[in-house]
Amino acid sequence: MASAYREIVGVIEDVKYHAIWDEPEPYLYTPLSQDYIAMLSLYVHLPVDQNVGMAGVRNEIRSLDKRVPLFDAQTLQDQVVTSVSQRSTIVVLTSFFGLLALMLASVGLYGVIAYSVNQRKHEIAIRLAVGADRADILWLTISDGLSVTMMGLTIGLVAALGITRMLGVLLYGMRPTDASTYIGVSLLLGCLTSIATYIPAIRATRIDPASALKCE
């Protein structure tokens, strides 16, 4: 067979033959008469209305040979949607749970900072009593939240780099090390945590030293 005559009707340098997330590879096409194929996919360009055209294709094939089985007839757009539907569902669910985790982390950080302010009420009252500026108290409280955020962000980025390499097959059209994605997520997390820490920080600046020390 190595010396047999073969006709090549097409050569393409980069083809994603099985799925759109595959790596492109070179491919050559030969006439159908040279190779037996149990299942054949036929693509037809229809310049008319697709619904009418699909019925016309079915009728034309049946008129040529009624024994030829015809199934799974659909437009190219429907075929693409069907092929990526499972992965799209996984991506949507992952994004949803990711946002949910982000909101829970923000609420949790708010609770931690609020609890910390309540526990340090006596310390804050003393600082205010000896002349500390309320802006300093504000920054002291916010810096606590930012330090926790930076620690979590560092651990999260390192973990994300490892996880995205394993889930890279789901990231169609996006590189696992896409810098804009990491920067965008970091900025979003920074904004949410800033809001979460700002509210208890403002409450810390409104502590009345006399009342707080009297309670202690």
N, C-alpha and C. Protein backbone atom coordinates (compact mmCIF):
# COMPACT_ATOMS: atom_id res chain seq x y z
N MET A 1 0.82 -1.20 0.00
CA MET A 1 0.00 0.00 0.00
C MET A 1 0.85 1.25 0.00
N ALA A 2 2.12 1.13 0.47
CA ALA A 2 2.97 2.32 0.55
C ALA A 2 3.27 2.88 -0.82
N SER A 3 3.35 1.97 -1.85
CA SER A 3 3.67 2.44 -3.20
C SER A 3 2.43 2.65 -4.05
N ALA A 4 1.25 2.47 -3.47
CA ALA A 4 0.01 2.63 -4.23
C ALA A 4 -0.22 4.09 -4.57
N TYR A 5 -0.88 4.30 -5.68
CA TYR A 5 -1.18 5.66 -6.13
C TYR A 5 -2.28 6.25 -5.24
N ARG A 6 -2.03 7.44 -4.74
CA ARG A 6 -3.00 8.12 -3.89
C ARG A 6 -3.25 9.52 -4.44
N GLU A 7 -4.50 9.88 -4.47
CA GLU A 7 -4.87 11.23 -4.91
C GLU A 7 -5.19 12.09 -3.68
N ILE A 8 -4.60 13.26 -3.62
CA ILE A 8 -4.83 14.20 -2.52
C ILE A 8 -5.60 15.39 -3.07
N VAL A 9 -6.72 15.67 -2.46
CA VAL A 9 -7.57 16.76 -2.96
C VAL A 9 -7.46 18.02 -2.11
N GLY A 10 -6.78 17.93 -0.97
CA GLY A 10 -6.65 19.13 -0.14
C GLY A 10 -5.64 18.93 0.97
N VAL A 11 -4.89 19.98 1.28
CA VAL A 11 -3.94 19.97 2.38
C VAL A 11 -4.13 21.26 3.17
N ILE A 12 -4.31 21.13 4.48
CA ILE A 12 -4.49 22.31 5.34
C ILE A 12 -3.46 22.24 6.46
N GLU A 13 -2.85 23.38 6.73
CA GLU A 13 -1.75 23.43 7.71
C GLU A 13 -2.23 23.27 9.14
N ASP A 14 -3.35 23.92 9.48
CA ASP A 14 -3.81 23.90 10.88
C ASP A 14 -5.31 23.61 10.94
N VAL A 15 -5.64 22.42 11.38
CA VAL A 15 -7.04 21.99 11.48
C VAL A 15 -7.31 21.47 12.89
N LYS A 16 -8.42 21.92 13.46
CA LYS A 16 -8.91 21.34 14.72
C LYS A 16 -9.97 20.33 14.34
N TYR A 17 -9.54 19.09 14.14
CA TYR A 17 -10.39 18.10 13.51
C TYR A 17 -11.50 17.58 14.42
N HIS A 18 -11.19 17.34 15.69
CA HIS A 18 -12.16 16.71 16.59
C HIS A 18 -12.94 17.72 17.42
N ALA A 19 -12.28 18.75 17.93
CA ALA A 19 -12.94 19.74 18.80
C ALA A 19 -12.21 21.07 18.69
N ILE A 20 -12.93 22.16 18.99
CA ILE A 20 -12.35 23.48 18.82
C ILE A 20 -11.26 23.78 19.84
N TRP A 21 -11.20 22.99 20.94
CA TRP A 21 -10.15 23.22 21.94
C TRP A 21 -8.92 22.35 21.69
N ASP A 22 -8.92 21.55 20.62
CA ASP A 22 -7.74 20.78 20.27
C ASP A 22 -6.63 21.68 19.73
N GLU A 23 -5.41 21.18 19.79
CA GLU A 23 -4.30 21.89 19.19
C GLU A 23 -4.37 21.74 17.67
N PRO A 24 -4.21 22.83 16.91
CA PRO A 24 -4.24 22.72 15.45
C PRO A 24 -3.13 21.81 14.94
N GLU A 25 -3.44 21.01 13.93
CA GLU A 25 -2.45 20.12 13.35
C GLU A 25 -2.67 20.02 11.85
N PRO A 26 -1.64 19.69 11.08
CA PRO A 26 -1.81 19.58 9.62
C PRO A 26 -2.69 18.38 9.27
N TYR A 27 -3.39 18.50 8.14
CA TYR A 27 -4.33 17.45 7.75
C TYR A 27 -4.43 17.43 6.23
N LEU A 28 -4.59 16.23 5.68
CA LEU A 28 -4.77 16.11 4.23
C LEU A 28 -6.06 15.36 3.94
N TYR A 29 -6.64 15.67 2.80
CA TYR A 29 -7.92 15.09 2.40
C TYR A 29 -7.74 14.30 1.11
N THR A 30 -8.38 13.13 1.09
CA THR A 30 -8.34 12.25 -0.08
C THR A 30 -9.76 11.99 -0.56
N PRO A 31 -9.94 11.54 -1.78
CA PRO A 31 -11.28 11.23 -2.27
C PRO A 31 -11.93 10.11 -1.45
N LEU A 32 -13.24 10.16 -1.33
CA LEU A 32 -13.97 9.17 -0.55
C LEU A 32 -13.80 7.77 -1.13
N SER A 33 -13.60 7.67 -2.43
CA SER A 33 -13.46 6.36 -3.08
C SER A 33 -12.18 5.64 -2.67
N GLN A 34 -11.21 6.36 -2.13
CA GLN A 34 -9.93 5.75 -1.74
C GLN A 34 -9.95 5.19 -0.32
N ASP A 35 -10.87 5.64 0.50
CA ASP A 35 -10.92 5.20 1.89
C ASP A 35 -12.36 4.88 2.26
N TYR A 36 -12.53 3.73 2.94
CA TYR A 36 -13.86 3.37 3.40
C TYR A 36 -14.15 4.08 4.72
N ILE A 37 -15.27 4.77 4.79
CA ILE A 37 -15.68 5.48 5.99
C ILE A 37 -17.08 5.01 6.36
N ALA A 38 -17.21 4.44 7.56
CA ALA A 38 -18.52 3.91 7.97
C ALA A 38 -19.53 5.02 8.18
N MET A 39 -19.08 6.12 8.75
CA MET A 39 -19.97 7.26 8.99
C MET A 39 -19.37 8.49 8.32
N LEU A 40 -20.19 9.15 7.55
CA LEU A 40 -19.72 10.29 6.76
C LEU A 40 -20.50 11.54 7.13
N SER A 41 -19.77 12.62 7.35
CA SER A 41 -20.41 13.92 7.61
C SER A 41 -20.35 14.74 6.34
N LEU A 42 -21.49 15.22 5.92
CA LEU A 42 -21.59 15.99 4.69
C LEU A 42 -22.00 17.42 5.02
N TYR A 43 -21.20 18.38 4.57
CA TYR A 43 -21.50 19.79 4.81
C TYR A 43 -21.93 20.42 3.49
N VAL A 44 -23.04 21.15 3.55
CA VAL A 44 -23.61 21.76 2.36
C VAL A 44 -23.80 23.25 2.61
N HIS A 45 -23.29 24.07 1.72
CA HIS A 45 -23.49 25.52 1.83
C HIS A 45 -24.85 25.87 1.22
N LEU A 46 -25.70 26.50 2.02
CA LEU A 46 -27.06 26.82 1.60
C LEU A 46 -27.22 28.33 1.47
N PRO A 47 -27.41 28.83 0.28
CA PRO A 47 -27.60 30.27 0.11
C PRO A 47 -29.02 30.73 0.40
N VAL A 48 -29.93 29.77 0.63
CA VAL A 48 -31.34 30.10 0.87
C VAL A 48 -31.65 29.94 2.34
N ASP A 49 -32.93 30.09 2.70
CA ASP A 49 -33.36 29.91 4.09
C ASP A 49 -32.95 28.52 4.58
N GLN A 50 -32.35 28.46 5.78
CA GLN A 50 -31.77 27.22 6.26
C GLN A 50 -32.81 26.13 6.49
N ASN A 51 -33.98 26.48 7.00
CA ASN A 51 -35.01 25.47 7.24
C ASN A 51 -35.48 24.84 5.94
N VAL A 52 -35.75 25.69 4.94
CA VAL A 52 -36.16 25.17 3.63
C VAL A 52 -35.02 24.39 3.00
N GLY A 53 -33.79 24.91 3.14
CA GLY A 53 -32.64 24.25 2.55
C GLY A 53 -32.38 22.89 3.15
N MET A 54 -32.56 22.73 4.47
CA MET A 54 -32.34 21.45 5.13
C MET A 54 -33.31 20.40 4.60
N ALA A 55 -34.56 20.79 4.43
CA ALA A 55 -35.54 19.86 3.87
C ALA A 55 -35.18 19.50 2.43
N GLY A 56 -34.67 20.48 1.70
CA GLY A 56 -34.27 20.21 0.33
C GLY A 56 -33.11 19.24 0.25
N VAL A 57 -32.17 19.34 1.18
CA VAL A 57 -31.04 18.40 1.20
C VAL A 57 -31.53 16.99 1.48
N ARG A 58 -32.43 16.84 2.44
CA ARG A 58 -32.98 15.51 2.76
C ARG A 58 -33.68 14.91 1.53
N ASN A 59 -34.49 15.72 0.88
CA ASN A 59 -35.23 15.22 -0.29
C ASN A 59 -34.29 14.84 -1.43
N GLU A 60 -33.23 15.62 -1.59
CA GLU A 60 -32.28 15.35 -2.67
C GLU A 60 -31.54 14.04 -2.43
N ILE A 61 -31.14 13.80 -1.17
CA ILE A 61 -30.43 12.55 -0.85
C ILE A 61 -31.36 11.35 -1.02
N ARG A 62 -32.60 11.47 -0.59
CA ARG A 62 -33.56 10.37 -0.73
C ARG A 62 -33.86 10.09 -2.21
N SER A 63 -33.86 11.14 -3.03
CA SER A 63 -34.12 10.94 -4.45
C SER A 63 -32.98 10.20 -5.13
N LEU A 64 -31.76 10.37 -4.59
CA LEU A 64 -30.61 9.66 -5.17
C LEU A 64 -30.56 8.21 -4.72
N ASP A 65 -30.80 7.99 -3.43
CA ASP A 65 -30.77 6.61 -2.90
C ASP A 65 -31.54 6.60 -1.58
N LYS A 66 -32.68 5.94 -1.56
CA LYS A 66 -33.51 5.90 -0.36
C LYS A 66 -32.89 5.04 0.74
N ARG A 67 -31.92 4.22 0.38
CA ARG A 67 -31.31 3.34 1.38
C ARG A 67 -30.25 4.06 2.22
N VAL A 68 -29.85 5.23 1.80
CA VAL A 68 -28.82 5.97 2.53
C VAL A 68 -29.43 6.56 3.80
N PRO A 69 -28.93 6.17 4.97
CA PRO A 69 -29.49 6.73 6.22
C PRO A 69 -29.04 8.18 6.41
N LEU A 70 -29.96 9.00 6.79
CA LEU A 70 -29.66 10.42 7.03
C LEU A 70 -30.15 10.77 8.44
N PHE A 71 -29.24 11.17 9.29
CA PHE A 71 -29.61 11.50 10.68
C PHE A 71 -28.74 12.65 11.17
N ASP A 72 -29.20 13.23 12.26
CA ASP A 72 -28.48 14.32 12.92
C ASP A 72 -28.21 15.48 11.96
N ALA A 73 -29.21 15.80 11.15
CA ALA A 73 -29.06 16.93 10.23
C ALA A 73 -29.29 18.23 10.99
N GLN A 74 -28.31 19.12 10.95
CA GLN A 74 -28.41 20.39 11.67
C GLN A 74 -27.48 21.41 11.03
N THR A 75 -27.70 22.65 11.40
CA THR A 75 -26.84 23.71 10.87
C THR A 75 -25.48 23.65 11.56
N LEU A 76 -24.50 24.30 10.95
CA LEU A 76 -23.16 24.32 11.53
C LEU A 76 -23.15 25.03 12.88
N GLN A 77 -23.95 26.10 12.99
CA GLN A 77 -24.02 26.82 14.26
C GLN A 77 -24.57 25.93 15.37
N ASP A 78 -25.63 25.16 15.07
CA ASP A 78 -26.19 24.25 16.06
C ASP A 78 -25.19 23.16 16.45
N GLN A 79 -24.41 22.71 15.49
CA GLN A 79 -23.42 21.68 15.77
C GLN A 79 -22.34 22.20 16.72
N VAL A 80 -21.90 23.45 16.49
CA VAL A 80 -20.89 24.05 17.36
C VAL A 80 -21.44 24.22 18.77
N VAL A 81 -22.68 24.71 18.88
CA VAL A 81 -23.30 24.91 20.19
C VAL A 81 -23.43 23.59 20.94
N THR A 82 -23.84 22.54 20.22
CA THR A 82 -23.99 21.22 20.85
C THR A 82 -22.66 20.67 21.32
N SER A 83 -21.61 20.87 20.52
CA SER A 83 -20.30 20.29 20.85
C SER A 83 -19.68 20.93 22.08
N VAL A 84 -20.02 22.20 22.35
CA VAL A 84 -19.40 22.89 23.49
C VAL A 84 -20.37 23.08 24.65
N SER A 85 -21.58 22.53 24.54
CA SER A 85 -22.60 22.78 25.56
C SER A 85 -22.19 22.24 26.93
N GLN A 86 -21.61 21.04 26.97
CA GLN A 86 -21.23 20.46 28.26
C GLN A 86 -20.14 21.29 28.93
N ARG A 87 -19.13 21.68 28.16
CA ARG A 87 -18.05 22.48 28.72
C ARG A 87 -18.54 23.87 29.08
N SER A 88 -19.47 24.41 28.30
CA SER A 88 -20.02 25.73 28.63
C SER A 88 -20.76 25.68 29.95
N THR A 89 -21.49 24.59 30.18
CA THR A 89 -22.20 24.43 31.45
C THR A 89 -21.22 24.37 32.62
N ILE A 90 -20.12 23.65 32.43
CA ILE A 90 -19.11 23.56 33.49
C ILE A 90 -18.51 24.93 33.77
N VAL A 91 -18.23 25.69 32.72
CA VAL A 91 -17.65 27.02 32.89
C VAL A 91 -18.62 27.95 33.62
N VAL A 92 -19.91 27.89 33.25
CA VAL A 92 -20.91 28.74 33.90
C VAL A 92 -21.04 28.39 35.38
N LEU A 93 -21.11 27.10 35.69
CA LEU A 93 -21.23 26.68 37.09
C LEU A 93 -19.98 27.06 37.88
N THR A 94 -18.81 26.89 37.28
CA THR A 94 -17.57 27.26 37.96
C THR A 94 -17.52 28.75 38.23
N SER A 95 -17.95 29.55 37.26
CA SER A 95 -17.97 31.00 37.44
C SER A 95 -18.95 31.40 38.54
N PHE A 96 -20.12 30.75 38.56
CA PHE A 96 -21.12 31.06 39.58
C PHE A 96 -20.59 30.77 40.98
N PHE A 97 -20.02 29.58 41.16
CA PHE A 97 -19.51 29.23 42.48
C PHE A 97 -18.29 30.07 42.84
N GLY A 98 -17.53 30.50 41.82
CA GLY A 98 -16.40 31.39 42.10
C GLY A 98 -16.87 32.73 42.62
N LEU A 99 -17.90 33.30 41.99
CA LEU A 99 -18.46 34.57 42.47
C LEU A 99 -19.09 34.41 43.86
N LEU A 100 -19.75 33.27 44.06
CA LEU A 100 -20.35 33.01 45.38
C LEU A 100 -19.27 32.94 46.45
N ALA A 101 -18.16 32.27 46.13
CA ALA A 101 -17.05 32.18 47.09
C ALA A 101 -16.45 33.55 47.35
N LEU A 102 -16.40 34.39 46.31
CA LEU A 102 -15.86 35.74 46.47
C LEU A 102 -16.73 36.57 47.41
N MET A 103 -18.05 36.46 47.25
CA MET A 103 -18.96 37.20 48.12
C MET A 103 -18.88 36.69 49.56
N LEU A 104 -18.79 35.37 49.72
CA LEU A 104 -18.67 34.80 51.07
C LEU A 104 -17.36 35.23 51.73
N ALA A 105 -16.29 35.31 50.92
CA ALA A 105 -15.01 35.76 51.47
C ALA A 105 -15.09 37.21 51.93
N SER A 106 -15.81 38.04 51.15
CA SER A 106 -15.96 39.45 51.52
C SER A 106 -16.76 39.59 52.82
N VAL A 107 -17.85 38.82 52.91
CA VAL A 107 -18.67 38.86 54.13
C VAL A 107 -17.86 38.35 55.33
N GLY A 108 -17.09 37.29 55.10
CA GLY A 108 -16.27 36.76 56.17
C GLY A 108 -15.21 37.75 56.63
N LEU A 109 -14.59 38.45 55.67
CA LEU A 109 -13.59 39.45 56.04
C LEU A 109 -14.22 40.59 56.83
N TYR A 110 -15.42 40.99 56.41
CA TYR A 110 -16.14 42.04 57.14
C TYR A 110 -16.37 41.60 58.59
N GLY A 111 -16.78 40.35 58.76
CA GLY A 111 -17.03 39.85 60.11
C GLY A 111 -15.76 39.80 60.95
N VAL A 112 -14.65 39.38 60.32
CA VAL A 112 -13.38 39.31 61.06
C VAL A 112 -12.92 40.68 61.50
N ILE A 113 -12.99 41.67 60.59
CA ILE A 113 -12.54 43.02 60.93
C ILE A 113 -13.46 43.64 61.98
N ALA A 114 -14.77 43.43 61.83
CA ALA A 114 -15.72 43.97 62.82
C ALA A 114 -15.46 43.35 64.20
N TYR A 115 -15.18 42.06 64.23
CA TYR A 115 -14.88 41.40 65.50
C TYR A 115 -13.57 41.93 66.08
N SER A 116 -12.58 42.16 65.20
CA SER A 116 -11.29 42.68 65.66
C SER A 116 -11.45 44.07 66.25
N VAL A 117 -12.26 44.92 65.61
CA VAL A 117 -12.50 46.27 66.13
C VAL A 117 -13.16 46.20 67.49
N ASN A 118 -14.12 45.30 67.63
CA ASN A 118 -14.81 45.17 68.92
C ASN A 118 -13.85 44.68 70.02
N GLN A 119 -12.95 43.76 69.66
CA GLN A 119 -12.00 43.24 70.63
C GLN A 119 -10.94 44.28 71.00
N ARG A 120 -10.63 45.19 70.05
CA ARG A 120 -9.58 46.19 70.28
C ARG A 120 -10.18 47.54 70.66
N LYS A 121 -11.42 47.53 71.07
CA LYS A 121 -12.09 48.80 71.40
C LYS A 121 -11.33 49.54 72.50
N HIS A 122 -10.86 48.82 73.50
CA HIS A 122 -10.13 49.44 74.61
C HIS A 122 -8.82 50.06 74.10
N GLU A 123 -8.11 49.32 73.24
CA GLU A 123 -6.86 49.83 72.67
C GLU A 123 -7.10 51.08 71.83
N ILE A 124 -8.14 51.03 71.01
CA ILE A 124 -8.45 52.18 70.15
C ILE A 124 -8.84 53.39 71.00
N ALA A 125 -9.59 53.14 72.07
CA ALA A 125 -9.99 54.23 72.95
C ALA A 125 -8.77 54.89 73.60
N ILE A 126 -7.80 54.08 74.00
CA ILE A 126 -6.58 54.63 74.60
C ILE A 126 -5.81 55.45 73.57
N ARG A 127 -5.70 54.93 72.35
CA ARG A 127 -5.00 55.67 71.30
C ARG A 127 -5.66 57.03 71.06
N LEU A 128 -6.99 57.04 71.02
CA LEU A 128 -7.70 58.30 70.81
C LEU A 128 -7.53 59.22 72.02
N ALA A 129 -7.50 58.65 73.21
CA ALA A 129 -7.39 59.46 74.43
C ALA A 129 -6.04 60.16 74.52
N VAL A 130 -4.99 59.50 74.01
CA VAL A 130 -3.65 60.10 74.10
C VAL A 130 -3.33 60.96 72.88
N GLY A 131 -4.34 61.18 72.02
CA GLY A 131 -4.15 62.13 70.94
C GLY A 131 -4.00 61.55 69.55
N ALA A 132 -4.26 60.27 69.37
CA ALA A 132 -4.17 59.69 68.03
C ALA A 132 -5.23 60.29 67.12
N ASP A 133 -4.85 60.55 65.89
CA ASP A 133 -5.80 61.11 64.92
C ASP A 133 -6.74 60.00 64.44
N ARG A 134 -7.99 60.38 64.16
CA ARG A 134 -8.96 59.38 63.71
C ARG A 134 -8.57 58.80 62.36
N ALA A 135 -7.84 59.58 61.56
CA ALA A 135 -7.36 59.05 60.28
C ALA A 135 -6.36 57.91 60.51
N ASP A 136 -5.56 58.03 61.57
CA ASP A 136 -4.62 56.96 61.91
C ASP A 136 -5.36 55.70 62.34
N ILE A 137 -6.43 55.88 63.11
CA ILE A 137 -7.25 54.73 63.52
C ILE A 137 -7.89 54.07 62.30
N LEU A 138 -8.34 54.91 61.38
CA LEU A 138 -8.95 54.39 60.15
C LEU A 138 -7.95 53.54 59.37
N TRP A 139 -6.74 54.07 59.20
CA TRP A 139 -5.72 53.33 58.45
C TRP A 139 -5.28 52.08 59.20
N LEU A 140 -5.21 52.16 60.54
CA LEU A 140 -4.83 51.00 61.34
C LEU A 140 -5.79 49.84 61.11
N THR A 141 -7.07 50.16 61.07
CA THR A 141 -8.08 49.11 60.89
C THR A 141 -8.08 48.58 59.46
N ILE A 142 -7.97 49.50 58.49
CA ILE A 142 -7.97 49.07 57.09
C ILE A 142 -6.73 48.23 56.78
N SER A 143 -5.59 48.61 57.34
CA SER A 143 -4.35 47.87 57.07
C SER A 143 -4.44 46.43 57.56
N ASP A 144 -5.18 46.21 58.64
CA ASP A 144 -5.38 44.83 59.11
C ASP A 144 -6.11 44.01 58.05
N GLY A 145 -7.16 44.60 57.48
CA GLY A 145 -7.91 43.91 56.44
C GLY A 145 -7.09 43.70 55.18
N LEU A 146 -6.28 44.71 54.82
CA LEU A 146 -5.46 44.59 53.62
C LEU A 146 -4.38 43.53 53.78
N SER A 147 -3.83 43.41 54.98
CA SER A 147 -2.79 42.39 55.20
C SER A 147 -3.37 40.99 55.04
N VAL A 148 -4.58 40.79 55.55
CA VAL A 148 -5.24 39.49 55.38
C VAL A 148 -5.54 39.24 53.91
N THR A 149 -6.00 40.30 53.22
CA THR A 149 -6.32 40.17 51.80
C THR A 149 -5.09 39.83 50.98
N MET A 150 -3.98 40.51 51.21
CA MET A 150 -2.76 40.27 50.46
C MET A 150 -2.24 38.85 50.69
N MET A 151 -2.35 38.37 51.92
CA MET A 151 -1.92 37.01 52.21
C MET A 151 -2.78 36.00 51.45
N GLY A 152 -4.10 36.20 51.51
CA GLY A 152 -5.00 35.30 50.79
C GLY A 152 -4.85 35.40 49.29
N LEU A 153 -4.60 36.63 48.80
CA LEU A 153 -4.45 36.84 47.36
C LEU A 153 -3.19 36.15 46.84
N THR A 154 -2.12 36.22 47.60
CA THR A 154 -0.88 35.56 47.20
C THR A 154 -1.05 34.05 47.12
N ILE A 155 -1.67 33.49 48.14
CA ILE A 155 -1.91 32.04 48.15
C ILE A 155 -2.86 31.66 47.01
N GLY A 156 -3.89 32.49 46.80
CA GLY A 156 -4.87 32.20 45.75
C GLY A 156 -4.27 32.25 44.35
N LEU A 157 -3.39 33.22 44.09
CA LEU A 157 -2.77 33.33 42.77
C LEU A 157 -1.87 32.14 42.48
N VAL A 158 -1.11 31.73 43.49
CA VAL A 158 -0.24 30.56 43.30
C VAL A 158 -1.08 29.31 43.03
N ALA A 159 -2.15 29.14 43.80
CA ALA A 159 -3.03 27.98 43.59
C ALA A 159 -3.73 28.05 42.23
N ALA A 160 -4.12 29.27 41.83
CA ALA A 160 -4.82 29.43 40.54
C ALA A 160 -3.91 29.06 39.37
N LEU A 161 -2.63 29.42 39.46
CA LEU A 161 -1.70 29.07 38.39
C LEU A 161 -1.61 27.56 38.22
N GLY A 162 -1.63 26.82 39.33
CA GLY A 162 -1.58 25.37 39.24
C GLY A 162 -2.88 24.76 38.75
N ILE A 163 -4.00 25.29 39.23
CA ILE A 163 -5.30 24.73 38.86
C ILE A 163 -5.63 25.00 37.40
N THR A 164 -5.34 26.22 36.92
CA THR A 164 -5.68 26.56 35.53
C THR A 164 -4.89 25.74 34.53
N ARG A 165 -3.72 25.27 34.91
CA ARG A 165 -2.97 24.39 34.01
C ARG A 165 -3.67 23.04 33.87
N MET A 166 -4.31 22.59 34.93
CA MET A 166 -5.06 21.33 34.85
C MET A 166 -6.38 21.52 34.12
N LEU A 167 -6.99 22.72 34.26
CA LEU A 167 -8.28 22.99 33.64
C LEU A 167 -8.14 23.77 32.35
N GLY A 168 -6.92 23.81 31.80
CA GLY A 168 -6.68 24.61 30.60
C GLY A 168 -7.53 24.18 29.42
N VAL A 169 -7.95 22.91 29.38
CA VAL A 169 -8.77 22.42 28.27
C VAL A 169 -10.12 23.11 28.23
N LEU A 170 -10.59 23.64 29.37
CA LEU A 170 -11.88 24.33 29.41
C LEU A 170 -11.77 25.79 29.02
N LEU A 171 -10.55 26.31 28.95
CA LEU A 171 -10.36 27.74 28.70
C LEU A 171 -10.16 27.98 27.22
N TYR A 172 -11.19 27.75 26.43
CA TYR A 172 -11.08 27.95 24.99
C TYR A 172 -10.93 29.43 24.68
N GLY A 173 -9.92 29.76 23.88
CA GLY A 173 -9.68 31.14 23.49
C GLY A 173 -9.00 31.96 24.57
N MET A 174 -8.51 31.32 25.62
CA MET A 174 -7.87 32.05 26.72
C MET A 174 -6.69 31.22 27.22
N ARG A 175 -5.55 31.89 27.42
CA ARG A 175 -4.38 31.21 27.94
C ARG A 175 -4.49 31.05 29.46
N PRO A 176 -4.03 29.93 30.01
CA PRO A 176 -4.09 29.74 31.47
C PRO A 176 -3.33 30.79 32.25
N THR A 177 -2.32 31.41 31.61
CA THR A 177 -1.52 32.43 32.28
C THR A 177 -1.86 33.83 31.79
N ASP A 178 -3.11 34.04 31.40
CA ASP A 178 -3.54 35.35 30.89
C ASP A 178 -3.42 36.40 31.99
N ALA A 179 -2.52 37.37 31.79
CA ALA A 179 -2.24 38.36 32.83
C ALA A 179 -3.44 39.24 33.13
N SER A 180 -4.20 39.61 32.09
CA SER A 180 -5.34 40.51 32.30
C SER A 180 -6.39 39.89 33.22
N THR A 181 -6.57 38.57 33.13
CA THR A 181 -7.53 37.89 34.00
C THR A 181 -7.10 37.96 35.46
N TYR A 182 -5.84 37.68 35.71
CA TYR A 182 -5.34 37.72 37.10
C TYR A 182 -5.38 39.14 37.66
N ILE A 183 -5.02 40.11 36.82
CA ILE A 183 -5.05 41.50 37.29
C ILE A 183 -6.48 41.94 37.57
N GLY A 184 -7.41 41.58 36.67
CA GLY A 184 -8.81 41.96 36.86
C GLY A 184 -9.41 41.36 38.11
N VAL A 185 -9.15 40.07 38.33
CA VAL A 185 -9.68 39.40 39.53
C VAL A 185 -9.07 39.99 40.79
N SER A 186 -7.78 40.31 40.74
CA SER A 186 -7.11 40.90 41.91
C SER A 186 -7.70 42.27 42.24
N LEU A 187 -7.96 43.07 41.20
CA LEU A 187 -8.55 44.40 41.42
C LEU A 187 -9.97 44.27 41.98
N LEU A 188 -10.74 43.32 41.44
CA LEU A 188 -12.10 43.11 41.94
C LEU A 188 -12.08 42.69 43.40
N LEU A 189 -11.19 41.76 43.73
CA LEU A 189 -11.08 41.32 45.12
C LEU A 189 -10.63 42.46 46.01
N GLY A 190 -9.71 43.29 45.50
CA GLY A 190 -9.25 44.44 46.28
C GLY A 190 -10.36 45.43 46.57
N CYS A 191 -11.20 45.69 45.56
CA CYS A 191 -12.32 46.62 45.75
C CYS A 191 -13.32 46.09 46.77
N LEU A 192 -13.67 44.80 46.65
CA LEU A 192 -14.64 44.22 47.57
C LEU A 192 -14.12 44.20 49.01
N THR A 193 -12.85 43.85 49.17
CA THR A 193 -12.30 43.81 50.52
C THR A 193 -12.12 45.21 51.10
N SER A 194 -11.86 46.18 50.24
CA SER A 194 -11.76 47.56 50.72
C SER A 194 -13.09 48.03 51.30
N ILE A 195 -14.17 47.69 50.59
CA ILE A 195 -15.50 48.04 51.08
C ILE A 195 -15.81 47.29 52.38
N ALA A 196 -15.42 46.00 52.40
CA ALA A 196 -15.71 45.17 53.57
C ALA A 196 -14.96 45.66 54.81
N THR A 197 -13.76 46.22 54.63
CA THR A 197 -12.99 46.70 55.78
C THR A 197 -13.29 48.16 56.12
N TYR A 198 -13.80 48.90 55.14
CA TYR A 198 -14.02 50.33 55.37
C TYR A 198 -15.14 50.57 56.38
N ILE A 199 -16.19 49.76 56.31
CA ILE A 199 -17.34 49.97 57.21
C ILE A 199 -16.96 49.78 58.68
N PRO A 200 -16.33 48.66 59.06
CA PRO A 200 -15.91 48.56 60.47
C PRO A 200 -14.82 49.56 60.84
N ALA A 201 -14.01 49.97 59.85
CA ALA A 201 -12.97 50.97 60.13
C ALA A 201 -13.59 52.31 60.49
N ILE A 202 -14.65 52.69 59.79
CA ILE A 202 -15.35 53.94 60.11
C ILE A 202 -15.95 53.85 61.51
N ARG A 203 -16.50 52.69 61.86
CA ARG A 203 -17.06 52.52 63.20
C ARG A 203 -15.97 52.65 64.27
N ALA A 204 -14.77 52.20 63.94
CA ALA A 204 -13.67 52.30 64.90
C ALA A 204 -13.31 53.75 65.18
N THR A 205 -13.40 54.61 64.15
CA THR A 205 -13.06 56.03 64.35
C THR A 205 -14.12 56.76 65.16
N ARG A 206 -15.31 56.18 65.27
CA ARG A 206 -16.40 56.84 65.99
C ARG A 206 -16.52 56.36 67.44
N ILE A 207 -15.56 55.57 67.87
CA ILE A 207 -15.57 55.11 69.26
C ILE A 207 -15.33 56.29 70.19
N ASP A 208 -16.17 56.41 71.20
CA ASP A 208 -15.99 57.46 72.20
C ASP A 208 -15.03 56.95 73.28
N PRO A 209 -13.85 57.57 73.41
CA PRO A 209 -12.86 57.06 74.38
C PRO A 209 -13.40 56.97 75.79
N ALA A 210 -14.12 57.98 76.23
CA ALA A 210 -14.62 57.99 77.61
C ALA A 210 -15.58 56.83 77.86
N SER A 211 -16.50 56.63 76.93
CA SER A 211 -17.48 55.55 77.09
C SER A 211 -16.80 54.18 77.04
N ALA A 212 -15.85 54.02 76.08
CA ALA A 212 -15.19 52.73 75.94
C ALA A 212 -14.35 52.40 77.16
N LEU A 213 -13.61 53.38 77.68
CA LEU A 213 -12.77 53.13 78.86
C LEU A 213 -13.61 52.92 80.11
N LYS A 214 -14.75 53.59 80.16
CA LYS A 214 -15.63 53.43 81.31
C LYS A 214 -16.21 52.03 81.35
N CYS A 215 -16.56 51.52 80.14
CA CYS A 215 -17.10 50.17 80.07
C CYS A 215 -16.06 49.14 80.48
N GLU A 216 -14.79 49.40 80.12
CA GLU A 216 -13.73 48.49 80.48
C GLU A 216 -13.48 48.53 81.99
